[in-house]
Amino acid sequence: QVQLVESGGGLVQAGGSLRLSCAASGTFFSSSTMGWFRQAPGKQRELVAFITTGGGTYYADSVKGRFTISRDNAKNTVYLQMNSLKPEDTAVYYCNTAPTGRFPWGQGTQVTVSS
């Protein structure tokens, strides 16, 4: 059974940084494009970034130049380094396969950016 466990969120001031981690169980990880998604209160879940099996990356315009996605296939883990955080980055962050999540969503990790 696939499990996705996100961690690393927290409360940070605008301009600060956080590094999110997502540990995945199951054999799908190394053969899948993995992504980070976020959902702010009252809004739909949106794709923030993804990384392909070959290391190619995509970023939403809203985070381009500030966020960096990476992966460690040996650890079945995908990371999201978030720099220069803005209040509008406040959301619950989730990982899953991209561009559409194929597996049950984890609990997510809350990121709150204060102004």
PDB file of N, CA and C in Angstrom:
ATOM      1  N   GLN A   1       0.846  -1.182   0.000  1.00  0.00           N
ATOM      2  CA  GLN A   1       0.000   0.000   0.000  1.00  0.00           C
ATOM      3  C   GLN A   1       0.882   1.232   0.000  1.00  0.00           C
ATOM      4  N   VAL A   2       0.551   2.176  -0.880  1.00  0.00           N
ATOM      5  CA  VAL A   2       1.347   3.385  -0.995  1.00  0.00           C
ATOM      6  C   VAL A   2       1.007   4.354   0.127  1.00  0.00           C
ATOM      7  N   GLN A   3       2.056   4.890   0.742  1.00  0.00           N
ATOM      8  CA  GLN A   3       1.881   5.948   1.730  1.00  0.00           C
ATOM      9  C   GLN A   3       2.791   7.101   1.396  1.00  0.00           C
ATOM     10  N   LEU A   4       2.283   8.304   1.545  1.00  0.00           N
ATOM     11  CA  LEU A   4       3.043   9.531   1.321  1.00  0.00           C
ATOM     12  C   LEU A   4       3.011  10.324   2.611  1.00  0.00           C
ATOM     13  N   VAL A   5       4.188  10.625   3.150  1.00  0.00           N
ATOM     14  CA  VAL A   5       4.276  11.314   4.437  1.00  0.00           C
ATOM     15  C   VAL A   5       5.095  12.580   4.267  1.00  0.00           C
ATOM     16  N   GLU A   6       4.414  13.717   4.388  1.00  0.00           N
ATOM     17  CA  GLU A   6       5.054  15.014   4.230  1.00  0.00           C
ATOM     18  C   GLU A   6       5.481  15.565   5.593  1.00  0.00           C
ATOM     19  N   SER A   7       6.571  16.320   5.592  1.00  0.00           N
ATOM     20  CA  SER A   7       7.051  16.945   6.816  1.00  0.00           C
ATOM     21  C   SER A   7       7.867  18.177   6.468  1.00  0.00           C
ATOM     22  N   GLY A   8       8.163  18.965   7.504  1.00  0.00           N
ATOM     23  CA  GLY A   8       9.042  20.111   7.334  1.00  0.00           C
ATOM     24  C   GLY A   8       8.357  21.462   7.317  1.00  0.00           C
ATOM     25  N   GLY A   9       7.038  21.476   7.371  1.00  0.00           N
ATOM     26  CA  GLY A   9       6.336  22.745   7.376  1.00  0.00           C
ATOM     27  C   GLY A   9       6.499  23.478   8.688  1.00  0.00           C
ATOM     28  N   GLY A  10       5.937  24.679   8.740  1.00  0.00           N
ATOM     29  CA  GLY A  10       6.011  25.457   9.965  1.00  0.00           C
ATOM     30  C   GLY A  10       5.598  26.886   9.721  1.00  0.00           C
ATOM     31  N   LEU A  11       5.849  27.700  10.746  1.00  0.00           N
ATOM     32  CA  LEU A  11       5.558  29.125  10.684  1.00  0.00           C
ATOM     33  C   LEU A  11       6.863  29.875  10.432  1.00  0.00           C
ATOM     34  N   VAL A  12       6.857  30.732   9.442  1.00  0.00           N
ATOM     35  CA  VAL A  12       8.064  31.466   9.089  1.00  0.00           C
ATOM     36  C   VAL A  12       7.673  32.877   8.664  1.00  0.00           C
ATOM     37  N   GLN A  13       8.577  33.806   8.877  1.00  0.00           N
ATOM     38  CA  GLN A  13       8.327  35.183   8.442  1.00  0.00           C
ATOM     39  C   GLN A  13       8.566  35.315   6.941  1.00  0.00           C
ATOM     40  N   ALA A  14       7.927  36.296   6.353  1.00  0.00           N
ATOM     41  CA  ALA A  14       8.138  36.572   4.931  1.00  0.00           C
ATOM     42  C   ALA A  14       9.632  36.772   4.671  1.00  0.00           C
ATOM     43  N   GLY A  15      10.096  36.179   3.591  1.00  0.00           N
ATOM     44  CA  GLY A  15      11.506  36.232   3.260  1.00  0.00           C
ATOM     45  C   GLY A  15      12.301  35.050   3.779  1.00  0.00           C
ATOM     46  N   GLY A  16      11.685  34.257   4.633  1.00  0.00           N
ATOM     47  CA  GLY A  16      12.362  33.107   5.210  1.00  0.00           C
ATOM     48  C   GLY A  16      12.356  31.899   4.298  1.00  0.00           C
ATOM     49  N   SER A  17      12.881  30.794   4.830  1.00  0.00           N
ATOM     50  CA  SER A  17      13.015  29.555   4.061  1.00  0.00           C
ATOM     51  C   SER A  17      12.518  28.357   4.851  1.00  0.00           C
ATOM     52  N   LEU A  18      12.089  27.362   4.128  1.00  0.00           N
ATOM     53  CA  LEU A  18      11.727  26.064   4.698  1.00  0.00           C
ATOM     54  C   LEU A  18      12.112  24.987   3.691  1.00  0.00           C
ATOM     55  N   ARG A  19      12.367  23.795   4.203  1.00  0.00           N
ATOM     56  CA  ARG A  19      12.628  22.649   3.343  1.00  0.00           C
ATOM     57  C   ARG A  19      11.637  21.550   3.684  1.00  0.00           C
ATOM     58  N   LEU A  20      10.812  21.208   2.727  1.00  0.00           N
ATOM     59  CA  LEU A  20       9.831  20.146   2.912  1.00  0.00           C
ATOM     60  C   LEU A  20      10.390  18.818   2.422  1.00  0.00           C
ATOM     61  N   SER A  21       9.953  17.755   3.072  1.00  0.00           N
ATOM     62  CA  SER A  21      10.328  16.402   2.669  1.00  0.00           C
ATOM     63  C   SER A  21       9.070  15.566   2.514  1.00  0.00           C
ATOM     64  N   CYS A  22       9.121  14.618   1.605  1.00  0.00           N
ATOM     65  CA  CYS A  22       8.027  13.666   1.430  1.00  0.00           C
ATOM     66  C   CYS A  22       8.625  12.283   1.253  1.00  0.00           C
ATOM     67  N   ALA A  23       8.335  11.424   2.211  1.00  0.00           N
ATOM     68  CA  ALA A  23       8.807  10.042   2.155  1.00  0.00           C
ATOM     69  C   ALA A  23       7.698   9.163   1.605  1.00  0.00           C
ATOM     70  N   ALA A  24       8.038   8.381   0.600  1.00  0.00           N
ATOM     71  CA  ALA A  24       7.045   7.532  -0.054  1.00  0.00           C
ATOM     72  C   ALA A  24       7.360   6.064   0.167  1.00  0.00           C
ATOM     73  N   SER A  25       6.344   5.297   0.438  1.00  0.00           N
ATOM     74  CA  SER A  25       6.501   3.840   0.513  1.00  0.00           C
ATOM     75  C   SER A  25       5.990   3.247  -0.795  1.00  0.00           C
ATOM     76  N   GLY A  26       6.518   2.100  -1.168  1.00  0.00           N
ATOM     77  CA  GLY A  26       6.074   1.476  -2.409  1.00  0.00           C
ATOM     78  C   GLY A  26       7.152   1.515  -3.466  1.00  0.00           C
ATOM     79  N   THR A  27       6.979   0.709  -4.478  1.00  0.00           N
ATOM     80  CA  THR A  27       8.005   0.541  -5.501  1.00  0.00           C
ATOM     81  C   THR A  27       7.832   1.481  -6.682  1.00  0.00           C
ATOM     82  N   PHE A  28       6.838   2.346  -6.619  1.00  0.00           N
ATOM     83  CA  PHE A  28       6.539   3.210  -7.762  1.00  0.00           C
ATOM     84  C   PHE A  28       7.488   4.387  -7.884  1.00  0.00           C
ATOM     85  N   PHE A  29       8.140   4.756  -6.774  1.00  0.00           N
ATOM     86  CA  PHE A  29       8.770   6.074  -6.661  1.00  0.00           C
ATOM     87  C   PHE A  29       9.795   6.327  -7.751  1.00  0.00           C
ATOM     88  N   SER A  30      10.756   5.447  -7.900  1.00  0.00           N
ATOM     89  CA  SER A  30      11.868   5.721  -8.821  1.00  0.00           C
ATOM     90  C   SER A  30      11.430   5.776 -10.285  1.00  0.00           C
ATOM     91  N   SER A  31      10.263   5.253 -10.597  1.00  0.00           N
ATOM     92  CA  SER A  31       9.788   5.249 -11.984  1.00  0.00           C
ATOM     93  C   SER A  31       8.697   6.281 -12.226  1.00  0.00           C
ATOM     94  N   SER A  32       8.516   7.192 -11.276  1.00  0.00           N
ATOM     95  CA  SER A  32       7.412   8.155 -11.365  1.00  0.00           C
ATOM     96  C   SER A  32       7.896   9.593 -11.316  1.00  0.00           C
ATOM     97  N   THR A  33       7.215  10.451 -12.086  1.00  0.00           N
ATOM     98  CA  THR A  33       7.371  11.890 -11.913  1.00  0.00           C
ATOM     99  C   THR A  33       6.676  12.270 -10.611  1.00  0.00           C
ATOM    100  N   MET A  34       7.394  12.967  -9.761  1.00  0.00           N
ATOM    101  CA  MET A  34       6.854  13.333  -8.451  1.00  0.00           C
ATOM    102  C   MET A  34       6.664  14.840  -8.354  1.00  0.00           C
ATOM    103  N   GLY A  35       5.617  15.224  -7.673  1.00  0.00           N
ATOM    104  CA  GLY A  35       5.313  16.643  -7.591  1.00  0.00           C
ATOM    105  C   GLY A  35       4.945  17.089  -6.193  1.00  0.00           C
ATOM    106  N   TRP A  36       5.040  18.385  -5.997  1.00  0.00           N
ATOM    107  CA  TRP A  36       4.523  19.043  -4.802  1.00  0.00           C
ATOM    108  C   TRP A  36       3.300  19.865  -5.211  1.00  0.00           C
ATOM    109  N   PHE A  37       2.277  19.758  -4.402  1.00  0.00           N
ATOM    110  CA  PHE A  37       1.032  20.472  -4.600  1.00  0.00           C
ATOM    111  C   PHE A  37       0.755  21.290  -3.343  1.00  0.00           C
ATOM    112  N   ARG A  38      -0.111  22.270  -3.443  1.00  0.00           N
ATOM    113  CA  ARG A  38      -0.520  23.013  -2.256  1.00  0.00           C
ATOM    114  C   ARG A  38      -1.980  23.402  -2.365  1.00  0.00           C
ATOM    115  N   GLN A  39      -2.581  23.546  -1.192  1.00  0.00           N
ATOM    116  CA  GLN A  39      -3.976  23.967  -1.137  1.00  0.00           C
ATOM    117  C   GLN A  39      -4.123  25.012  -0.044  1.00  0.00           C
ATOM    118  N   ALA A  40      -4.489  26.198  -0.461  1.00  0.00           N
ATOM    119  CA  ALA A  40      -4.743  27.283   0.475  1.00  0.00           C
ATOM    120  C   ALA A  40      -6.211  27.258   0.865  1.00  0.00           C
ATOM    121  N   PRO A  41      -6.560  27.836   2.010  1.00  0.00           N
ATOM    122  CA  PRO A  41      -7.954  27.838   2.454  1.00  0.00           C
ATOM    123  C   PRO A  41      -8.883  28.434   1.396  1.00  0.00           C
ATOM    124  N   GLY A  42      -9.954  27.708   1.094  1.00  0.00           N
ATOM    125  CA  GLY A  42     -10.929  28.196   0.137  1.00  0.00           C
ATOM    126  C   GLY A  42     -10.518  28.089  -1.312  1.00  0.00           C
ATOM    127  N   LYS A  43      -9.360  27.475  -1.576  1.00  0.00           N
ATOM    128  CA  LYS A  43      -8.878  27.361  -2.952  1.00  0.00           C
ATOM    129  C   LYS A  43      -8.688  25.894  -3.324  1.00  0.00           C
ATOM    130  N   GLN A  44      -8.615  25.653  -4.625  1.00  0.00           N
ATOM    131  CA  GLN A  44      -8.362  24.295  -5.095  1.00  0.00           C
ATOM    132  C   GLN A  44      -6.884  23.947  -4.946  1.00  0.00           C
ATOM    133  N   ARG A  45      -6.630  22.666  -4.862  1.00  0.00           N
ATOM    134  CA  ARG A  45      -5.252  22.194  -4.813  1.00  0.00           C
ATOM    135  C   ARG A  45      -4.576  22.509  -6.144  1.00  0.00           C
ATOM    136  N   GLU A  46      -3.350  23.001  -6.084  1.00  0.00           N
ATOM    137  CA  GLU A  46      -2.625  23.351  -7.298  1.00  0.00           C
ATOM    138  C   GLU A  46      -1.243  22.714  -7.309  1.00  0.00           C
ATOM    139  N   LEU A  47      -0.768  22.431  -8.513  1.00  0.00           N
ATOM    140  CA  LEU A  47       0.566  21.876  -8.681  1.00  0.00           C
ATOM    141  C   LEU A  47       1.593  23.002  -8.579  1.00  0.00           C
ATOM    142  N   VAL A  48       2.573  22.804  -7.726  1.00  0.00           N
ATOM    143  CA  VAL A  48       3.601  23.815  -7.501  1.00  0.00           C
ATOM    144  C   VAL A  48       4.864  23.511  -8.304  1.00  0.00           C
ATOM    145  N   ALA A  49       5.274  22.245  -8.278  1.00  0.00           N
ATOM    146  CA  ALA A  49       6.504  21.845  -8.969  1.00  0.00           C
ATOM    147  C   ALA A  49       6.484  20.335  -9.167  1.00  0.00           C
ATOM    148  N   PHE A  50       7.212  19.879 -10.196  1.00  0.00           N
ATOM    149  CA  PHE A  50       7.423  18.452 -10.312  1.00  0.00           C
ATOM    150  C   PHE A  50       8.820  18.156 -10.845  1.00  0.00           C
ATOM    151  N   ILE A  51       9.241  16.909 -10.622  1.00  0.00           N
ATOM    152  CA  ILE A  51      10.553  16.470 -11.085  1.00  0.00           C
ATOM    153  C   ILE A  51      10.380  15.104 -11.746  1.00  0.00           C
ATOM    154  N   THR A  52      10.930  14.968 -12.931  1.00  0.00           N
ATOM    155  CA  THR A  52      10.797  13.723 -13.673  1.00  0.00           C
ATOM    156  C   THR A  52      11.817  12.697 -13.204  1.00  0.00           C
ATOM    157  N   THR A  53      11.703  11.493 -13.722  1.00  0.00           N
ATOM    158  CA  THR A  53      12.659  10.446 -13.354  1.00  0.00           C
ATOM    159  C   THR A  53      14.065  10.805 -13.818  1.00  0.00           C
ATOM    160  N   GLY A  54      14.161  11.595 -14.871  1.00  0.00           N
ATOM    161  CA  GLY A  54      15.467  12.011 -15.376  1.00  0.00           C
ATOM    162  C   GLY A  54      15.989  13.288 -14.763  1.00  0.00           C
ATOM    163  N   GLY A  55      15.244  13.855 -13.840  1.00  0.00           N
ATOM    164  CA  GLY A  55      15.695  15.065 -13.149  1.00  0.00           C
ATOM    165  C   GLY A  55      15.206  16.364 -13.762  1.00  0.00           C
ATOM    166  N   GLY A  56      14.406  16.273 -14.812  1.00  0.00           N
ATOM    167  CA  GLY A  56      13.828  17.484 -15.362  1.00  0.00           C
ATOM    168  C   GLY A  56      12.822  18.079 -14.393  1.00  0.00           C
ATOM    169  N   THR A  57      12.719  19.390 -14.378  1.00  0.00           N
ATOM    170  CA  THR A  57      11.845  20.041 -13.404  1.00  0.00           C
ATOM    171  C   THR A  57      10.888  21.025 -14.083  1.00  0.00           C
ATOM    172  N   TYR A  58       9.785  21.245 -13.366  1.00  0.00           N
ATOM    173  CA  TYR A  58       8.780  22.238 -13.768  1.00  0.00           C
ATOM    174  C   TYR A  58       8.396  23.013 -12.520  1.00  0.00           C
ATOM    175  N   TYR A  59       8.175  24.319 -12.694  1.00  0.00           N
ATOM    176  CA  TYR A  59       7.714  25.151 -11.586  1.00  0.00           C
ATOM    177  C   TYR A  59       6.554  26.026 -12.044  1.00  0.00           C
ATOM    178  N   ALA A  60       5.589  26.181 -11.174  1.00  0.00           N
ATOM    179  CA  ALA A  60       4.539  27.155 -11.429  1.00  0.00           C
ATOM    180  C   ALA A  60       5.170  28.545 -11.448  1.00  0.00           C
ATOM    181  N   ASP A  61       4.592  29.428 -12.235  1.00  0.00           N
ATOM    182  CA  ASP A  61       5.146  30.777 -12.342  1.00  0.00           C
ATOM    183  C   ASP A  61       5.249  31.461 -10.988  1.00  0.00           C
ATOM    184  N   SER A  62       4.306  31.178 -10.115  1.00  0.00           N
ATOM    185  CA  SER A  62       4.258  31.855  -8.816  1.00  0.00           C
ATOM    186  C   SER A  62       5.437  31.503  -7.915  1.00  0.00           C
ATOM    187  N   VAL A  63       6.129  30.402  -8.197  1.00  0.00           N
ATOM    188  CA  VAL A  63       7.230  29.979  -7.319  1.00  0.00           C
ATOM    189  C   VAL A  63       8.563  29.905  -8.049  1.00  0.00           C
ATOM    190  N   LYS A  64       8.543  30.142  -9.350  1.00  0.00           N
ATOM    191  CA  LYS A  64       9.762  30.025 -10.150  1.00  0.00           C
ATOM    192  C   LYS A  64      10.835  30.969  -9.628  1.00  0.00           C
ATOM    193  N   GLY A  65      12.042  30.448  -9.473  1.00  0.00           N
ATOM    194  CA  GLY A  65      13.151  31.247  -8.971  1.00  0.00           C
ATOM    195  C   GLY A  65      13.250  31.270  -7.457  1.00  0.00           C
ATOM    196  N   ARG A  66      12.225  30.775  -6.756  1.00  0.00           N
ATOM    197  CA  ARG A  66      12.240  30.762  -5.284  1.00  0.00           C
ATOM    198  C   ARG A  66      12.237  29.348  -4.725  1.00  0.00           C
ATOM    199  N   PHE A  67      11.583  28.423  -5.414  1.00  0.00           N
ATOM    200  CA  PHE A  67      11.474  27.038  -4.934  1.00  0.00           C
ATOM    201  C   PHE A  67      12.348  26.128  -5.792  1.00  0.00           C
ATOM    202  N   THR A  68      12.880  25.079  -5.156  1.00  0.00           N
ATOM    203  CA  THR A  68      13.664  24.076  -5.866  1.00  0.00           C
ATOM    204  C   THR A  68      13.215  22.693  -5.435  1.00  0.00           C
ATOM    205  N   ILE A  69      12.850  21.872  -6.403  1.00  0.00           N
ATOM    206  CA  ILE A  69      12.445  20.506  -6.121  1.00  0.00           C
ATOM    207  C   ILE A  69      13.609  19.567  -6.424  1.00  0.00           C
ATOM    208  N   SER A  70      13.748  18.540  -5.603  1.00  0.00           N
ATOM    209  CA  SER A  70      14.790  17.544  -5.825  1.00  0.00           C
ATOM    210  C   SER A  70      14.289  16.198  -5.325  1.00  0.00           C
ATOM    211  N   ARG A  71      15.011  15.148  -5.658  1.00  0.00           N
ATOM    212  CA  ARG A  71      14.587  13.819  -5.246  1.00  0.00           C
ATOM    213  C   ARG A  71      15.802  12.966  -4.930  1.00  0.00           C
ATOM    214  N   ASP A  72      15.573  11.978  -4.056  1.00  0.00           N
ATOM    215  CA  ASP A  72      16.593  10.988  -3.709  1.00  0.00           C
ATOM    216  C   ASP A  72      15.930   9.631  -3.861  1.00  0.00           C
ATOM    217  N   ASN A  73      16.185   8.976  -4.974  1.00  0.00           N
ATOM    218  CA  ASN A  73      15.516   7.701  -5.232  1.00  0.00           C
ATOM    219  C   ASN A  73      15.944   6.612  -4.252  1.00  0.00           C
ATOM    220  N   ALA A  74      17.161   6.689  -3.747  1.00  0.00           N
ATOM    221  CA  ALA A  74      17.626   5.689  -2.781  1.00  0.00           C
ATOM    222  C   ALA A  74      16.836   5.767  -1.484  1.00  0.00           C
ATOM    223  N   LYS A  75      16.313   6.955  -1.190  1.00  0.00           N
ATOM    224  CA  LYS A  75      15.539   7.148   0.040  1.00  0.00           C
ATOM    225  C   LYS A  75      14.041   7.268  -0.226  1.00  0.00           C
ATOM    226  N   ASN A  76      13.636   7.117  -1.486  1.00  0.00           N
ATOM    227  CA  ASN A  76      12.215   7.298  -1.844  1.00  0.00           C
ATOM    228  C   ASN A  76      11.668   8.609  -1.289  1.00  0.00           C
ATOM    229  N   THR A  77      12.424   9.670  -1.452  1.00  0.00           N
ATOM    230  CA  THR A  77      12.065  10.957  -0.865  1.00  0.00           C
ATOM    231  C   THR A  77      12.182  12.068  -1.904  1.00  0.00           C
ATOM    232  N   VAL A  78      11.204  12.963  -1.857  1.00  0.00           N
ATOM    233  CA  VAL A  78      11.235  14.153  -2.697  1.00  0.00           C
ATOM    234  C   VAL A  78      11.238  15.368  -1.771  1.00  0.00           C
ATOM    235  N   TYR A  79      11.990  16.387  -2.166  1.00  0.00           N
ATOM    236  CA  TYR A  79      12.166  17.572  -1.331  1.00  0.00           C
ATOM    237  C   TYR A  79      11.669  18.812  -2.053  1.00  0.00           C
ATOM    238  N   LEU A  80      11.337  19.830  -1.267  1.00  0.00           N
ATOM    239  CA  LEU A  80      11.016  21.138  -1.830  1.00  0.00           C
ATOM    240  C   LEU A  80      11.701  22.187  -0.968  1.00  0.00           C
ATOM    241  N   GLN A  81      12.723  22.797  -1.523  1.00  0.00           N
ATOM    242  CA  GLN A  81      13.398  23.906  -0.843  1.00  0.00           C
ATOM    243  C   GLN A  81      12.670  25.181  -1.216  1.00  0.00           C
ATOM    244  N   MET A  82      12.192  25.889  -0.217  1.00  0.00           N
ATOM    245  CA  MET A  82      11.404  27.094  -0.442  1.00  0.00           C
ATOM    246  C   MET A  82      12.135  28.287   0.153  1.00  0.00           C
ATOM    247  N   ASN A  83      12.523  29.210  -0.682  1.00  0.00           N
ATOM    248  CA  ASN A  83      13.214  30.420  -0.255  1.00  0.00           C
ATOM    249  C   ASN A  83      12.368  31.648  -0.564  1.00  0.00           C
ATOM    250  N   SER A  84      12.730  32.751   0.061  1.00  0.00           N
ATOM    251  CA  SER A  84      12.020  34.021  -0.181  1.00  0.00           C
ATOM    252  C   SER A  84      10.515  33.836  -0.078  1.00  0.00           C
ATOM    253  N   LEU A  85      10.100  33.197   0.988  1.00  0.00           N
ATOM    254  CA  LEU A  85       8.682  32.882   1.148  1.00  0.00           C
ATOM    255  C   LEU A  85       7.841  34.143   1.292  1.00  0.00           C
ATOM    256  N   LYS A  86       6.613  34.043   0.754  1.00  0.00           N
ATOM    257  CA  LYS A  86       5.668  35.149   0.775  1.00  0.00           C
ATOM    258  C   LYS A  86       4.400  34.708   1.502  1.00  0.00           C
ATOM    259  N   PRO A  87       3.643  35.661   2.043  1.00  0.00           N
ATOM    260  CA  PRO A  87       2.386  35.271   2.704  1.00  0.00           C
ATOM    261  C   PRO A  87       1.470  34.455   1.797  1.00  0.00           C
ATOM    262  N   GLU A  88       1.496  34.722   0.513  1.00  0.00           N
ATOM    263  CA  GLU A  88       0.639  33.966  -0.409  1.00  0.00           C
ATOM    264  C   GLU A  88       1.097  32.530  -0.624  1.00  0.00           C
ATOM    265  N   ASP A  89       2.230  32.153  -0.073  1.00  0.00           N
ATOM    266  CA  ASP A  89       2.660  30.754  -0.102  1.00  0.00           C
ATOM    267  C   ASP A  89       2.014  29.938   1.013  1.00  0.00           C
ATOM    268  N   THR A  90       1.295  30.591   1.899  1.00  0.00           N
ATOM    269  CA  THR A  90       0.629  29.905   2.994  1.00  0.00           C
ATOM    270  C   THR A  90      -0.375  28.890   2.451  1.00  0.00           C
ATOM    271  N   ALA A  91      -0.212  27.640   2.866  1.00  0.00           N
ATOM    272  CA  ALA A  91      -1.054  26.552   2.367  1.00  0.00           C
ATOM    273  C   ALA A  91      -0.638  25.256   3.051  1.00  0.00           C
ATOM    274  N   VAL A  92      -1.438  24.222   2.829  1.00  0.00           N
ATOM    275  CA  VAL A  92      -1.013  22.869   3.165  1.00  0.00           C
ATOM    276  C   VAL A  92      -0.345  22.293   1.915  1.00  0.00           C
ATOM    277  N   TYR A  93       0.851  21.759   2.094  1.00  0.00           N
ATOM    278  CA  TYR A  93       1.635  21.231   0.991  1.00  0.00           C
ATOM    279  C   TYR A  93       1.593  19.698   1.001  1.00  0.00           C
ATOM    280  N   TYR A  94       1.389  19.128  -0.183  1.00  0.00           N
ATOM    281  CA  TYR A  94       1.283  17.700  -0.367  1.00  0.00           C
ATOM    282  C   TYR A  94       2.223  17.246  -1.480  1.00  0.00           C
ATOM    283  N   CYS A  95       2.631  15.988  -1.419  1.00  0.00           N
ATOM    284  CA  CYS A  95       3.347  15.398  -2.547  1.00  0.00           C
ATOM    285  C   CYS A  95       2.516  14.253  -3.114  1.00  0.00           C
ATOM    286  N   ASN A  96       2.762  13.946  -4.359  1.00  0.00           N
ATOM    287  CA  ASN A  96       2.099  12.840  -5.042  1.00  0.00           C
ATOM    288  C   ASN A  96       2.731  12.731  -6.417  1.00  0.00           C
ATOM    289  N   THR A  97       2.307  11.749  -7.192  1.00  0.00           N
ATOM    290  CA  THR A  97       2.766  11.691  -8.577  1.00  0.00           C
ATOM    291  C   THR A  97       2.208  12.905  -9.321  1.00  0.00           C
ATOM    292  N   ALA A  98       2.901  13.300 -10.348  1.00  0.00           N
ATOM    293  CA  ALA A  98       2.503  14.504 -11.094  1.00  0.00           C
ATOM    294  C   ALA A  98       2.378  14.160 -12.572  1.00  0.00           C
ATOM    295  N   PRO A  99       1.527  14.897 -13.327  1.00  0.00           N
ATOM    296  CA  PRO A  99       0.821  16.083 -12.858  1.00  0.00           C
ATOM    297  C   PRO A  99      -0.454  15.808 -12.070  1.00  0.00           C
ATOM    298  N   THR A 100      -0.944  14.553 -12.106  1.00  0.00           N
ATOM    299  CA  THR A 100      -2.130  14.237 -11.308  1.00  0.00           C
ATOM    300  C   THR A 100      -1.742  13.208 -10.267  1.00  0.00           C
ATOM    301  N   GLY A 101      -2.240  13.381  -9.076  1.00  0.00           N
ATOM    302  CA  GLY A 101      -1.916  12.457  -8.000  1.00  0.00           C
ATOM    303  C   GLY A 101      -2.624  11.131  -8.178  1.00  0.00           C
ATOM    304  N   ARG A 102      -1.819  10.089  -8.341  1.00  0.00           N
ATOM    305  CA  ARG A 102      -2.389   8.748  -8.574  1.00  0.00           C
ATOM    306  C   ARG A 102      -2.721   8.028  -7.281  1.00  0.00           C
ATOM    307  N   PHE A 103      -2.127   8.461  -6.206  1.00  0.00           N
ATOM    308  CA  PHE A 103      -2.254   7.715  -4.970  1.00  0.00           C
ATOM    309  C   PHE A 103      -3.019   8.521  -3.925  1.00  0.00           C
ATOM    310  N   PRO A 104      -3.476   7.836  -2.859  1.00  0.00           N
ATOM    311  CA  PRO A 104      -4.181   8.566  -1.792  1.00  0.00           C
ATOM    312  C   PRO A 104      -3.302   9.671  -1.234  1.00  0.00           C
ATOM    313  N   TRP A 105      -3.898  10.814  -0.997  1.00  0.00           N
ATOM    314  CA  TRP A 105      -3.154  11.961  -0.487  1.00  0.00           C
ATOM    315  C   TRP A 105      -2.768  11.741   0.971  1.00  0.00           C
ATOM    316  N   GLY A 106      -1.568  12.198   1.333  1.00  0.00           N
ATOM    317  CA  GLY A 106      -1.141  12.162   2.713  1.00  0.00           C
ATOM    318  C   GLY A 106      -1.809  13.269   3.499  1.00  0.00           C
ATOM    319  N   GLN A 107      -1.324  13.469   4.728  1.00  0.00           N
ATOM    320  CA  GLN A 107      -1.925  14.486   5.589  1.00  0.00           C
ATOM    321  C   GLN A 107      -1.432  15.880   5.248  1.00  0.00           C
ATOM    322  N   GLY A 108      -0.374  15.951   4.480  1.00  0.00           N
ATOM    323  CA  GLY A 108       0.178  17.252   4.125  1.00  0.00           C
ATOM    324  C   GLY A 108       0.973  17.863   5.262  1.00  0.00           C
ATOM    325  N   THR A 109       1.620  18.971   4.957  1.00  0.00           N
ATOM    326  CA  THR A 109       2.361  19.717   5.972  1.00  0.00           C
ATOM    327  C   THR A 109       2.014  21.191   5.816  1.00  0.00           C
ATOM    328  N   GLN A 110       1.658  21.817   6.931  1.00  0.00           N
ATOM    329  CA  GLN A 110       1.187  23.207   6.900  1.00  0.00           C
ATOM    330  C   GLN A 110       2.378  24.162   6.824  1.00  0.00           C
ATOM    331  N   VAL A 111       2.291  25.083   5.889  1.00  0.00           N
ATOM    332  CA  VAL A 111       3.262  26.169   5.777  1.00  0.00           C
ATOM    333  C   VAL A 111       2.500  27.476   5.977  1.00  0.00           C
ATOM    334  N   THR A 112       2.951  28.246   6.954  1.00  0.00           N
ATOM    335  CA  THR A 112       2.332  29.537   7.231  1.00  0.00           C
ATOM    336  C   THR A 112       3.407  30.613   7.175  1.00  0.00           C
ATOM    337  N   VAL A 113       3.184  31.600   6.336  1.00  0.00           N
ATOM    338  CA  VAL A 113       4.148  32.688   6.169  1.00  0.00           C
ATOM    339  C   VAL A 113       3.509  33.969   6.673  1.00  0.00           C
ATOM    340  N   SER A 114       4.118  34.555   7.682  1.00  0.00           N
ATOM    341  CA  SER A 114       3.592  35.783   8.260  1.00  0.00           C
ATOM    342  C   SER A 114       4.244  36.998   7.597  1.00  0.00           C
ATOM    343  N   SER A 115       3.466  38.057   7.514  1.00  0.00           N
ATOM    344  CA  SER A 115       3.981  39.281   6.873  1.00  0.00           C
ATOM    345  C   SER A 115       4.660  40.186   7.876  1.00  0.00           C
TER     346      SER A 115
END
